[in-house]
Amino acid sequence: MRVLIVGYRGNPYCGGQGIYIYNLSKELAKLGAEIDVIVGPPYPDPLEEWATVYKIENLNIWSIKTKDIPLEKLKRIFSPWNFADYVLTRLHMFPEMETFSFRTFFALKKILKTKRYDIIHDIQSLGWATVPMKGYGIPIVTTVHHPLTKDREADLMSNRGLWDKTTTILFYPLVMQSFVIRRLDRVITSFREGIDELQKAFGVRRERVSVVYNGMDVDMFQNTGEKREENALLFVGNTEDSKKGLVYLFEAMTMLPENVTLTIVDDGPPKKMTAADMIKKYNLGHRVKFTGKLSYDALVSIYSRKTILVMSSLFEGFGLPAVEAMSCKTPVVVTTAGSLKEVVSPDCGILVPPKDPVALKEGIIKLLGDKKLRERMGENGRKWAVENFSWPVAAKNTLEVYKDVVREYRSGK
């Protein structure tokens, strides 16, 4: 099977796309697939051990004010797609996926002079030019962990003024993604409820969606054997993402005993949203700690040492921290939002309704008060993660989707 994987960001050490491309391509290669990757910056250099990598230019200026754009980038800004990036970002849009798709379309035209592929796998770019790529005579599948409608809804809830709401609506390319996704051969999502979400958001027919759980490195995420801390909760995620429901976790903290602490793994105290304000409002400063960004080794260590991982999410397209924690034999208390009710088996953790701090508190109290239950859930969680969420399993299931799509495409269905 000759596979072309396409993704507009490729850093394998941070960011979901890069991690997905890195691990999926590696395991597909082990299964005998020939892998090429077209990718935007930051570039995944380690892929070149098992894949041919074609690097697509992107000045990455969407978050930079005009006056702060480096001179070296300004000199290159007047090429067609760089200029499109510049103009659209000044209009508060997010054109990275769109311009990446056009760059990829023309790059692929050159590549196909010497190579052929059985399938193209788009990693949630869904740019306009993905559709005309079908003219190259190759079936195209895409992975969408969750529709961007969820991100927009969460951002609109947190926006306070009309200008903020307007720029949020402009930022998300929902019209483009809705148009493109309905014209591809198959959509891969990471949880069963995602089928309903894609149908609701984009009108994707159910029979054209396949569920393949995301993978993770179960060899890396193993319990280190370090001593467990008592009454020590852990949250791993972006505190500026309102979909994480952090306010409900803070409310639950106010109902927990004073000796219960919370460690938050994120880049640091939030700069623009409400987490810092909420910590102050609820007088939790002495009980909540931010670690800043951690290395993989440090992250595995903290999973192994803390008592419970808590996820107060309002929506999750997969819920990687829950799987990482279970793989490290750490029990979890999570909401039933999005994928979490599929990702977390009831014998690996406690599931509670979203937006319910009382239920969250009660789930935490139940686990904190029962060491044997925590240990049993920890052991079950490790087994569950290895059997269902390893990258070899994800790659095997993805390869089966490829084969099914290619078979249908060649039979003219």
Protein backbone atom coordinates (compact mmCIF):
# COMPACT_ATOMS: atom_id res chain seq x y z
CA MET A 1 0.00 0.00 0.00
CA ARG A 2 1.47 3.34 -1.12
CA VAL A 3 0.18 6.03 1.24
CA LEU A 4 0.51 9.80 1.10
CA ILE A 5 -0.18 11.51 4.44
CA VAL A 6 -0.92 15.23 4.30
CA GLY A 7 -0.89 17.57 7.32
CA TYR A 8 -0.43 21.31 7.67
CA ARG A 9 1.60 21.02 10.90
CA GLY A 10 4.15 18.34 11.64
CA ASN A 11 5.95 18.85 14.96
CA PRO A 12 6.06 15.37 16.54
CA TYR A 13 6.79 16.66 20.05
CA CYS A 14 3.81 18.97 20.60
CA GLY A 15 0.44 19.39 18.98
CA GLY A 16 -2.00 16.65 18.08
CA GLN A 17 -1.40 16.64 14.31
CA GLY A 18 2.35 16.19 14.55
CA ILE A 19 2.09 13.42 17.13
CA TYR A 20 -0.57 11.67 15.03
CA ILE A 21 1.44 11.90 11.79
CA TYR A 22 4.67 10.77 13.46
CA ASN A 23 3.29 7.70 15.20
CA LEU A 24 0.78 6.62 12.56
CA SER A 25 3.31 6.82 9.73
CA LYS A 26 5.88 4.91 11.78
CA GLU A 27 3.53 2.05 12.58
CA LEU A 28 2.08 1.92 9.05
CA ALA A 29 5.64 1.55 7.73
CA LYS A 30 6.17 -1.38 10.11
CA LEU A 31 3.09 -3.00 8.57
CA GLY A 32 4.71 -2.77 5.14
CA ALA A 33 3.12 0.40 3.79
CA GLU A 34 5.23 2.78 1.71
CA ILE A 35 4.83 6.20 3.31
CA ASP A 36 5.29 9.70 1.92
CA VAL A 37 4.33 12.81 3.89
CA ILE A 38 3.53 16.33 2.71
CA VAL A 39 3.70 18.58 5.73
CA GLY A 40 3.89 22.19 6.85
CA PRO A 41 6.03 23.69 9.60
CA PRO A 42 7.15 22.90 12.21
CA TYR A 43 8.66 20.02 10.26
CA PRO A 44 8.93 16.40 11.51
CA ASP A 45 12.54 15.57 10.66
CA PRO A 46 12.53 12.18 12.47
CA LEU A 47 9.96 10.86 9.96
CA GLU A 48 12.67 10.58 7.33
CA GLU A 49 13.84 7.33 8.91
CA TRP A 50 10.79 5.55 7.44
CA ALA A 51 9.08 8.06 5.12
CA THR A 52 9.87 10.49 2.34
CA VAL A 53 9.00 13.99 3.57
CA TYR A 54 8.01 16.90 1.32
CA LYS A 55 8.11 20.18 3.20
CA ILE A 56 5.57 22.88 2.36
CA GLU A 57 6.41 26.53 3.05
CA ASN A 58 4.35 28.52 5.52
CA LEU A 59 5.51 31.81 7.06
CA ASN A 60 3.35 31.11 10.12
CA ILE A 61 2.37 34.74 10.62
CA TRP A 62 -1.25 34.30 11.65
CA SER A 63 -0.54 35.19 15.30
CA ILE A 64 2.05 37.94 14.63
CA LYS A 65 1.19 41.64 14.40
CA THR A 66 2.39 43.30 11.19
CA LYS A 67 4.93 45.48 13.00
CA ASP A 68 6.43 42.38 14.64
CA ILE A 69 6.86 40.26 11.49
CA PRO A 70 10.62 39.57 11.06
CA LEU A 71 12.29 41.24 8.08
CA GLU A 72 13.29 37.85 6.64
CA LYS A 73 9.60 36.88 6.43
CA LEU A 74 8.50 40.28 5.11
CA LYS A 75 10.85 39.87 2.15
CA ARG A 76 9.00 36.68 1.16
CA ILE A 77 5.47 37.88 1.83
CA PHE A 78 4.59 38.83 -1.75
CA SER A 79 4.57 35.34 -3.21
CA PRO A 80 0.92 34.40 -3.94
CA TRP A 81 0.14 32.08 -1.04
CA ASN A 82 2.27 33.96 1.50
CA PHE A 83 0.42 37.14 0.54
CA ALA A 84 -2.91 35.35 0.90
CA ASP A 85 -1.83 34.22 4.38
CA TYR A 86 -0.91 37.79 5.26
CA VAL A 87 -4.11 39.46 4.00
CA LEU A 88 -6.50 36.90 5.44
CA THR A 89 -4.84 36.90 8.86
CA ARG A 90 -5.15 40.69 8.99
CA LEU A 91 -8.90 40.14 8.43
CA HIS A 92 -8.93 37.90 11.54
CA MET A 93 -9.30 34.71 9.51
CA PHE A 94 -7.29 31.52 9.87
CA PRO A 95 -6.14 30.63 6.33
CA GLU A 96 -3.39 28.15 7.21
CA MET A 97 -5.42 25.08 6.19
CA GLU A 98 -6.72 26.75 3.04
CA THR A 99 -3.37 27.98 1.69
CA PHE A 100 -1.68 24.72 2.72
CA SER A 101 -4.15 22.80 0.55
CA PHE A 102 -3.34 24.91 -2.52
CA ARG A 103 0.41 24.61 -1.94
CA THR A 104 -0.05 20.85 -1.56
CA PHE A 105 -2.17 20.60 -4.72
CA PHE A 106 0.63 22.08 -6.86
CA ALA A 107 3.40 20.19 -5.03
CA LEU A 108 1.54 16.92 -5.56
CA LYS A 109 1.18 17.63 -9.28
CA LYS A 110 4.99 17.63 -9.54
CA ILE A 111 5.44 14.59 -7.29
CA LEU A 112 3.01 12.51 -9.37
CA LYS A 113 5.28 12.83 -12.40
CA THR A 114 7.48 10.17 -10.82
CA LYS A 115 5.31 8.53 -8.12
CA ARG A 116 1.87 6.99 -7.66
CA TYR A 117 -0.18 6.47 -4.52
CA ASP A 118 -3.00 4.11 -3.61
CA ILE A 119 -4.54 6.56 -1.15
CA ILE A 120 -4.16 10.08 0.27
CA HIS A 121 -4.78 10.63 3.99
CA ASP A 122 -5.54 14.24 4.94
CA ILE A 123 -5.07 15.05 8.62
CA GLN A 124 -7.96 17.46 9.30
CA SER A 125 -6.81 20.16 6.90
CA LEU A 126 -9.89 20.05 4.67
CA GLY A 127 -8.72 23.00 2.58
CA TRP A 128 -10.49 24.05 -0.62
CA ALA A 129 -7.86 22.51 -2.91
CA THR A 130 -8.31 19.07 -1.34
CA VAL A 131 -11.35 18.55 -3.59
CA PRO A 132 -9.56 19.08 -6.94
CA MET A 133 -6.87 16.65 -5.73
CA LYS A 134 -9.46 13.96 -6.44
CA GLY A 135 -8.81 14.77 -10.11
CA TYR A 136 -5.45 13.02 -9.73
CA GLY A 137 -7.35 9.70 -9.63
CA ILE A 138 -6.51 8.81 -6.02
CA PRO A 139 -9.08 8.23 -3.23
CA ILE A 140 -8.83 10.63 -0.29
CA VAL A 141 -9.67 9.97 3.36
CA THR A 142 -9.48 12.51 6.14
CA THR A 143 -9.12 12.27 9.91
CA VAL A 144 -11.27 14.66 11.93
CA HIS A 145 -11.07 14.23 15.69
CA HIS A 146 -13.96 16.64 16.20
CA PRO A 147 -15.68 19.33 14.13
CA LEU A 148 -14.39 22.88 14.51
CA THR A 149 -17.95 23.83 15.40
CA LYS A 150 -17.14 22.63 18.92
CA ASP A 151 -14.17 24.98 19.19
CA ARG A 152 -16.19 27.89 17.85
CA GLU A 153 -19.08 27.23 20.24
CA ALA A 154 -16.70 27.16 23.20
CA ASP A 155 -14.95 30.35 22.11
CA LEU A 156 -18.25 32.16 21.55
CA MET A 157 -19.31 31.22 25.07
CA SER A 158 -16.16 32.80 26.49
CA ASN A 159 -16.23 35.92 24.26
CA ARG A 160 -17.67 38.94 26.01
CA GLY A 161 -18.07 41.61 23.32
CA LEU A 162 -19.55 41.87 19.85
CA TRP A 163 -16.11 42.38 18.28
CA ASP A 164 -14.72 39.25 19.93
CA LYS A 165 -17.70 37.22 18.75
CA THR A 166 -17.39 38.60 15.21
CA THR A 167 -13.69 37.79 14.92
CA THR A 168 -14.34 34.32 16.33
CA ILE A 169 -16.92 33.63 13.63
CA LEU A 170 -14.49 34.86 10.96
CA PHE A 171 -11.61 32.82 12.38
CA TYR A 172 -13.07 29.33 11.93
CA PRO A 173 -13.28 28.11 8.27
CA LEU A 174 -16.47 26.10 8.76
CA VAL A 175 -17.95 26.76 5.32
CA MET A 176 -14.78 25.46 3.67
CA GLN A 177 -14.54 22.37 5.85
CA SER A 178 -18.22 21.55 5.45
CA PHE A 179 -17.93 21.77 1.65
CA VAL A 180 -14.74 19.70 1.43
CA ILE A 181 -15.49 16.92 3.91
CA ARG A 182 -18.71 15.87 2.14
CA ARG A 183 -16.78 15.31 -1.08
CA LEU A 184 -14.07 12.99 0.23
CA ASP A 185 -14.17 9.21 0.07
CA ARG A 186 -14.10 8.47 3.80
CA VAL A 187 -13.88 10.28 7.13
CA ILE A 188 -12.05 8.75 10.09
CA THR A 189 -13.06 9.91 13.56
CA SER A 190 -11.73 8.85 16.93
CA PHE A 191 -14.95 7.97 18.74
CA ARG A 192 -18.40 6.61 17.89
CA GLU A 193 -20.31 9.71 18.96
CA GLY A 194 -18.11 11.57 16.48
CA ILE A 195 -20.27 10.07 13.71
CA ASP A 196 -23.28 12.00 15.03
CA GLU A 197 -21.18 15.14 15.53
CA LEU A 198 -19.93 15.08 11.92
CA GLN A 199 -23.42 14.44 10.57
CA LYS A 200 -24.84 17.31 12.62
CA ALA A 201 -22.04 19.80 11.90
CA PHE A 202 -21.19 19.02 8.28
CA GLY A 203 -23.92 16.75 6.91
CA VAL A 204 -21.55 13.79 6.47
CA ARG A 205 -23.40 10.55 5.74
CA ARG A 206 -22.98 8.00 8.52
CA GLU A 207 -21.95 5.19 6.19
CA ARG A 208 -18.95 7.25 5.06
CA VAL A 209 -17.48 7.57 8.57
CA SER A 210 -15.13 5.01 10.15
CA VAL A 211 -14.16 4.98 13.82
CA VAL A 212 -10.50 4.38 14.64
CA TYR A 213 -9.37 5.16 18.16
CA ASN A 214 -6.26 7.32 18.44
CA GLY A 215 -3.08 5.67 19.54
CA MET A 216 -0.52 6.50 22.18
CA ASP A 217 2.92 5.25 23.16
CA VAL A 218 2.05 2.64 25.79
CA ASP A 219 5.72 1.70 26.11
CA MET A 220 6.64 5.24 27.11
CA PHE A 221 3.61 5.81 29.33
CA GLN A 222 4.23 3.17 31.96
CA ASN A 223 4.08 3.51 35.73
CA THR A 224 7.52 4.44 37.06
CA GLY A 225 7.06 2.79 40.45
CA GLU A 226 7.44 6.11 42.28
CA LYS A 227 5.53 6.54 45.53
CA ARG A 228 2.00 7.85 45.11
CA GLU A 229 1.23 11.17 46.73
CA GLU A 230 -1.83 11.37 48.95
CA ASN A 231 -4.87 13.47 48.03
CA ALA A 232 -3.08 14.80 44.95
CA LEU A 233 -5.25 15.58 41.91
CA LEU A 234 -3.85 16.14 38.43
CA PHE A 235 -5.20 18.08 35.45
CA VAL A 236 -3.41 17.95 32.08
CA GLY A 237 -4.57 20.30 29.35
CA ASN A 238 -4.96 23.78 27.96
CA THR A 239 -6.40 25.99 30.70
CA GLU A 240 -7.36 28.63 28.14
CA ASP A 241 -9.65 26.18 26.34
CA SER A 242 -13.15 26.69 27.72
CA LYS A 243 -14.11 23.18 26.50
CA LYS A 244 -12.01 21.80 29.37
CA GLY A 245 -14.62 22.99 31.89
CA LEU A 246 -12.00 24.06 34.41
CA VAL A 247 -14.45 26.26 36.29
CA TYR A 248 -16.35 23.15 37.38
CA LEU A 249 -13.16 21.54 38.68
CA PHE A 250 -12.36 24.67 40.68
CA GLU A 251 -15.89 24.68 42.09
CA ALA A 252 -15.45 21.03 43.07
CA MET A 253 -12.15 21.92 44.76
CA THR A 254 -13.97 24.35 47.08
CA MET A 255 -16.08 21.43 48.32
CA LEU A 256 -13.13 19.09 48.89
CA PRO A 257 -11.07 18.94 52.10
CA GLU A 258 -8.28 21.51 52.43
CA ASN A 259 -5.59 18.83 52.18
CA VAL A 260 -6.64 17.94 48.61
CA THR A 261 -4.32 19.64 46.12
CA LEU A 262 -4.47 20.14 42.35
CA THR A 263 -1.50 20.18 39.97
CA ILE A 264 -2.11 21.61 36.49
CA VAL A 265 0.20 20.65 33.62
CA ASP A 266 0.08 23.44 31.06
CA ASP A 267 2.47 26.03 29.66
CA GLY A 268 1.94 28.11 32.78
CA PRO A 269 -0.67 30.33 34.44
CA PRO A 270 -3.17 31.51 31.81
CA LYS A 271 -2.46 34.87 30.22
CA LYS A 272 -5.86 35.85 28.90
CA MET A 273 -8.70 33.69 30.16
CA THR A 274 -10.26 33.14 33.54
CA ALA A 275 -8.38 30.33 35.31
CA ALA A 276 -6.11 32.69 37.26
CA ASP A 277 -9.10 34.84 38.18
CA MET A 278 -11.06 31.77 39.28
CA ILE A 279 -8.20 30.55 41.46
CA LYS A 280 -8.22 33.94 43.16
CA LYS A 281 -12.03 34.06 43.35
CA TYR A 282 -12.24 30.66 45.06
CA ASN A 283 -9.18 31.28 47.23
CA LEU A 284 -7.37 28.23 45.83
CA GLY A 285 -3.93 29.75 45.34
CA HIS A 286 -2.40 27.67 48.16
CA ARG A 287 -3.86 24.43 46.76
CA VAL A 288 -3.36 24.79 42.99
CA LYS A 289 0.05 24.57 41.31
CA PHE A 290 1.07 25.05 37.66
CA THR A 291 4.02 22.99 36.47
CA GLY A 292 4.63 24.65 33.11
CA LYS A 293 5.44 22.54 30.06
CA LEU A 294 6.94 19.13 30.90
CA SER A 295 9.16 16.70 29.04
CA TYR A 296 7.71 13.27 28.29
CA ASP A 297 9.74 11.71 31.12
CA ALA A 298 8.52 14.33 33.58
CA LEU A 299 4.93 13.86 32.41
CA VAL A 300 5.11 10.08 32.90
CA SER A 301 6.57 10.69 36.34
CA ILE A 302 3.80 13.04 37.41
CA TYR A 303 1.11 10.66 36.12
CA SER A 304 2.74 7.91 38.20
CA ARG A 305 2.95 10.00 41.38
CA LYS A 306 -0.42 11.75 41.55
CA THR A 307 -3.44 10.06 43.10
CA ILE A 308 -6.09 10.76 40.46
CA LEU A 309 -6.33 12.43 37.05
CA VAL A 310 -9.41 14.65 36.72
CA MET A 311 -11.00 15.80 33.46
CA SER A 312 -13.93 18.21 33.84
CA SER A 313 -14.40 18.55 30.08
CA LEU A 314 -17.49 19.87 28.32
CA PHE A 315 -16.34 18.13 25.14
CA GLU A 316 -13.45 15.89 24.09
CA GLY A 317 -12.62 14.63 20.62
CA PHE A 318 -10.48 11.90 22.18
CA GLY A 319 -9.18 12.68 25.67
CA LEU A 320 -5.51 11.74 25.44
CA PRO A 321 -4.64 12.63 29.08
CA ALA A 322 -7.15 10.04 30.31
CA VAL A 323 -5.51 7.32 28.20
CA GLU A 324 -2.00 8.39 29.26
CA ALA A 325 -3.03 8.30 32.91
CA MET A 326 -4.66 4.88 32.59
CA SER A 327 -1.55 3.57 30.83
CA CYS A 328 0.44 4.72 33.90
CA LYS A 329 -2.00 2.87 36.20
CA THR A 330 -3.51 6.12 37.47
CA PRO A 331 -7.28 6.04 38.06
CA VAL A 332 -9.35 8.84 36.56
CA VAL A 333 -12.45 10.87 37.29
CA VAL A 334 -13.84 12.21 34.02
CA THR A 335 -17.06 13.58 32.61
CA THR A 336 -19.15 11.72 30.07
CA ALA A 337 -18.61 14.53 27.52
CA GLY A 338 -17.74 13.62 23.94
CA SER A 339 -15.43 10.65 23.59
CA LEU A 340 -14.65 10.20 27.29
CA LYS A 341 -17.50 7.77 27.93
CA GLU A 342 -15.96 5.52 25.26
CA VAL A 343 -12.32 6.08 26.11
CA VAL A 344 -12.70 5.42 29.85
CA SER A 345 -14.14 2.06 30.78
CA PRO A 346 -16.21 2.10 34.02
CA ASP A 347 -13.78 -0.33 35.65
CA CYS A 348 -10.86 2.07 34.99
CA GLY A 349 -12.34 5.24 36.48
CA ILE A 350 -15.40 7.14 37.60
CA LEU A 351 -17.57 8.94 35.05
CA VAL A 352 -19.77 11.89 36.02
CA PRO A 353 -22.05 14.27 34.09
CA PRO A 354 -20.44 17.41 32.65
CA LYS A 355 -21.13 20.82 34.22
CA ASP A 356 -21.79 19.16 37.60
CA PRO A 357 -19.21 20.13 40.24
CA VAL A 358 -21.07 18.23 42.97
CA ALA A 359 -20.89 14.97 41.01
CA LEU A 360 -17.24 15.68 40.24
CA LYS A 361 -16.52 16.21 43.93
CA GLU A 362 -18.34 13.01 44.90
CA GLY A 363 -16.41 10.97 42.33
CA ILE A 364 -13.11 12.34 43.61
CA ILE A 365 -14.08 11.68 47.25
CA LYS A 366 -15.04 8.10 46.41
CA LEU A 367 -11.65 7.35 44.86
CA LEU A 368 -9.61 9.24 47.45
CA GLY A 369 -11.30 7.23 50.19
CA ASP A 370 -10.73 3.78 48.72
CA LYS A 371 -7.12 2.78 48.05
CA LYS A 372 -8.01 -0.75 46.91
CA LEU A 373 -10.48 0.65 44.36
CA ARG A 374 -7.80 3.02 43.07
CA GLU A 375 -5.30 0.19 42.70
CA ARG A 376 -7.83 -2.07 40.96
CA MET A 377 -8.85 0.69 38.55
CA GLY A 378 -5.19 1.47 37.91
CA GLU A 379 -4.43 -2.12 36.89
CA ASN A 380 -7.56 -2.31 34.75
CA GLY A 381 -6.69 1.00 33.12
CA ARG A 382 -3.25 -0.17 32.03
CA LYS A 383 -4.71 -3.30 30.43
CA TRP A 384 -7.48 -1.28 28.73
CA ALA A 385 -5.01 1.26 27.30
CA VAL A 386 -2.65 -1.38 25.90
CA GLU A 387 -5.45 -3.40 24.30
CA ASN A 388 -7.33 -0.48 22.75
CA PHE A 389 -5.14 2.59 22.34
CA SER A 390 -1.65 1.56 21.30
CA TRP A 391 -0.29 2.95 18.02
CA PRO A 392 0.15 -0.52 16.48
CA VAL A 393 -3.59 -1.13 17.02
CA ALA A 394 -4.47 2.30 15.59
CA ALA A 395 -2.26 1.73 12.53
CA LYS A 396 -3.69 -1.74 11.89
CA ASN A 397 -7.25 -0.41 12.02
CA THR A 398 -6.38 2.59 9.82
CA LEU A 399 -4.80 0.29 7.24
CA GLU A 400 -8.04 -1.71 7.13
CA VAL A 401 -9.92 1.52 6.37
CA TYR A 402 -7.46 2.30 3.56
CA LYS A 403 -7.99 -1.15 2.03
CA ASP A 404 -11.75 -0.79 2.21
CA VAL A 405 -11.70 2.66 0.59
CA VAL A 406 -9.33 1.58 -2.19
CA ARG A 407 -11.50 -1.48 -2.87
CA GLU A 408 -14.64 0.65 -3.14
CA TYR A 409 -12.88 3.27 -5.27
CA ARG A 410 -11.58 0.75 -7.77
CA SER A 411 -14.94 -1.02 -7.99
CA GLY A 412 -16.62 2.29 -8.83
CA LYS A 413 -18.92 2.42 -5.78
